[in-house]
Amino acid sequence: MNPLTLDQQFFTALIDADAAALERILSDDFILIDVNSGSEIAKPDLLAALGLGHVKFDSIQPAGQRVRSYSGTHIITGQTRMTGRLGDTPFAADSRYTHVYVEQHGAWRLVAAQGTPISHPNSPAPTATS
């Protein structure tokens, strides 16, 4: 299967909060590094947060994706524009991401995902401290 198709299936499953699709896509030991907090989120915790409505994705728009493939592994890097809600609080995030897919028992599974926020030109620049 085309790696970008795999990635789109993941994004669609997040938007739809489709636990059955995510169960197929994510490896049992899947880890997400959260784009906002940097915390580790395991597969059961992600599925629970989506299922309970603690996290709701309204849209995820990928761009600039690049695929590197190795024997049994696809690494996808790209950018996303995400909108949704954390509880009752709306959020919007622009990020760069890395997804790692591994072939396991004849099926491709997402084993790791990490997002890094993209700063905007109007954001204050970090300052050096002494």
Protein backbone atom coordinates (compact mmCIF):
# COMPACT_ATOMS: atom_id res chain seq x y z
CA MET A 1 0.00 0.00 0.00
CA ASN A 2 1.13 3.52 -0.77
CA PRO A 3 2.60 5.10 2.41
CA LEU A 4 0.73 8.38 1.84
CA THR A 5 -2.53 6.42 1.64
CA LEU A 6 -1.68 4.89 5.02
CA ASP A 7 -1.05 8.34 6.43
CA GLN A 8 -4.33 9.71 5.08
CA GLN A 9 -6.18 6.75 6.61
CA PHE A 10 -4.66 7.67 9.99
CA PHE A 11 -5.69 11.33 9.70
CA THR A 12 -9.21 10.35 8.60
CA ALA A 13 -9.55 7.92 11.52
CA LEU A 14 -8.52 10.71 13.94
CA ILE A 15 -11.09 13.13 12.49
CA ASP A 16 -13.81 10.46 12.58
CA ALA A 17 -12.71 9.19 16.04
CA ASP A 18 -12.90 5.76 14.38
CA ALA A 19 -11.64 3.39 17.06
CA ALA A 20 -11.91 0.31 14.80
CA ALA A 21 -9.76 1.92 12.09
CA LEU A 22 -7.24 3.18 14.65
CA GLU A 23 -7.10 -0.30 16.18
CA ARG A 24 -6.02 -1.62 12.75
CA ILE A 25 -3.65 1.24 11.93
CA LEU A 26 -1.80 1.62 15.24
CA SER A 27 0.63 -0.98 16.57
CA ASP A 28 -0.04 -2.25 20.08
CA ASP A 29 3.03 -0.37 21.33
CA PHE A 30 2.22 2.86 19.43
CA ILE A 31 3.46 6.08 21.04
CA LEU A 32 2.40 9.61 20.10
CA ILE A 33 4.53 12.56 21.20
CA ASP A 34 1.96 15.32 21.63
CA VAL A 35 2.51 18.45 19.53
CA ASN A 36 1.37 20.81 22.29
CA SER A 37 2.81 19.35 25.48
CA GLY A 38 5.53 16.95 24.34
CA SER A 39 3.97 14.23 26.48
CA GLU A 40 3.88 10.56 25.48
CA ILE A 41 0.46 9.18 24.66
CA ALA A 42 0.09 5.41 24.34
CA LYS A 43 -2.44 3.77 22.02
CA PRO A 44 -5.01 2.97 24.76
CA ASP A 45 -4.88 6.56 26.05
CA LEU A 46 -5.34 8.04 22.56
CA LEU A 47 -8.29 5.73 21.84
CA ALA A 48 -9.88 6.61 25.20
CA ALA A 49 -9.42 10.37 24.71
CA LEU A 50 -11.02 10.21 21.27
CA GLY A 51 -13.79 7.86 22.39
CA LEU A 52 -14.74 10.01 25.37
CA GLY A 53 -14.61 13.21 23.30
CA HIS A 54 -11.76 14.70 25.34
CA VAL A 55 -10.03 15.35 22.01
CA LYS A 56 -11.93 16.09 18.80
CA PHE A 57 -10.23 16.82 15.49
CA ASP A 58 -12.30 18.95 13.11
CA SER A 59 -9.70 19.00 10.35
CA ILE A 60 -6.17 17.82 9.66
CA GLN A 61 -4.59 19.16 6.49
CA PRO A 62 -1.26 17.57 5.59
CA ALA A 63 1.21 19.27 3.24
CA GLY A 64 4.78 18.88 2.01
CA GLN A 65 4.93 15.18 2.79
CA ARG A 66 8.10 13.21 2.05
CA VAL A 67 8.41 9.46 2.22
CA ARG A 68 11.57 7.49 2.90
CA SER A 69 11.19 3.72 2.62
CA TYR A 70 13.47 1.02 3.93
CA SER A 71 13.00 -2.72 4.17
CA GLY A 72 9.73 -3.06 6.11
CA THR A 73 9.66 0.60 7.23
CA HIS A 74 8.20 3.87 5.90
CA ILE A 75 9.11 7.20 7.49
CA ILE A 76 6.87 10.10 6.53
CA THR A 77 7.68 13.71 7.35
CA GLY A 78 5.45 16.64 6.55
CA GLN A 79 3.43 19.50 7.91
CA THR A 80 -0.12 19.68 9.20
CA ARG A 81 -2.68 22.33 9.99
CA MET A 82 -5.00 20.90 12.66
CA THR A 83 -8.12 22.30 14.26
CA GLY A 84 -10.33 20.80 16.90
CA ARG A 85 -11.19 20.86 20.58
CA LEU A 86 -9.52 19.75 23.79
CA GLY A 87 -12.55 19.32 26.00
CA ASP A 88 -14.52 22.51 25.39
CA THR A 89 -11.49 24.55 24.36
CA PRO A 90 -10.90 25.04 20.62
CA PHE A 91 -7.38 24.65 19.30
CA ALA A 92 -5.48 25.23 16.08
CA ALA A 93 -1.95 23.99 15.52
CA ASP A 94 0.54 24.09 12.70
CA SER A 95 3.19 21.42 13.02
CA ARG A 96 5.89 19.43 11.40
CA TYR A 97 5.47 15.74 11.97
CA THR A 98 7.21 12.40 11.67
CA HIS A 99 5.28 9.13 11.35
CA VAL A 100 6.98 5.74 11.36
CA TYR A 101 5.15 2.79 9.79
CA VAL A 102 6.46 -0.77 10.14
CA GLU A 103 5.26 -3.91 8.40
CA GLN A 104 4.09 -6.40 11.03
CA HIS A 105 2.71 -9.80 10.05
CA GLY A 106 1.79 -8.61 6.55
CA ALA A 107 0.09 -5.37 7.67
CA TRP A 108 1.46 -1.83 7.90
CA ARG A 109 1.18 -0.33 11.39
CA LEU A 110 1.94 3.15 12.69
CA VAL A 111 4.40 2.63 15.55
CA ALA A 112 5.43 6.22 16.34
CA ALA A 113 4.19 9.74 15.66
CA GLN A 114 5.71 13.01 16.77
CA GLY A 115 4.63 16.58 16.15
CA THR A 116 6.62 19.78 16.61
CA PRO A 117 4.88 23.18 16.61
CA ILE A 118 5.75 25.60 13.82
CA SER A 119 6.25 29.15 15.05
CA HIS A 120 4.56 31.92 13.17
CA PRO A 121 6.35 35.11 12.08
CA ASN A 122 4.20 37.17 14.45
CA SER A 123 5.18 35.04 17.43
CA PRO A 124 7.75 36.55 19.77
CA ALA A 125 11.25 35.30 19.08
CA PRO A 126 13.03 33.47 21.90
CA THR A 127 15.65 35.54 23.67
CA ALA A 128 19.00 34.39 24.98
CA THR A 129 19.48 34.67 28.70
CA SER A 130 22.77 34.87 30.54
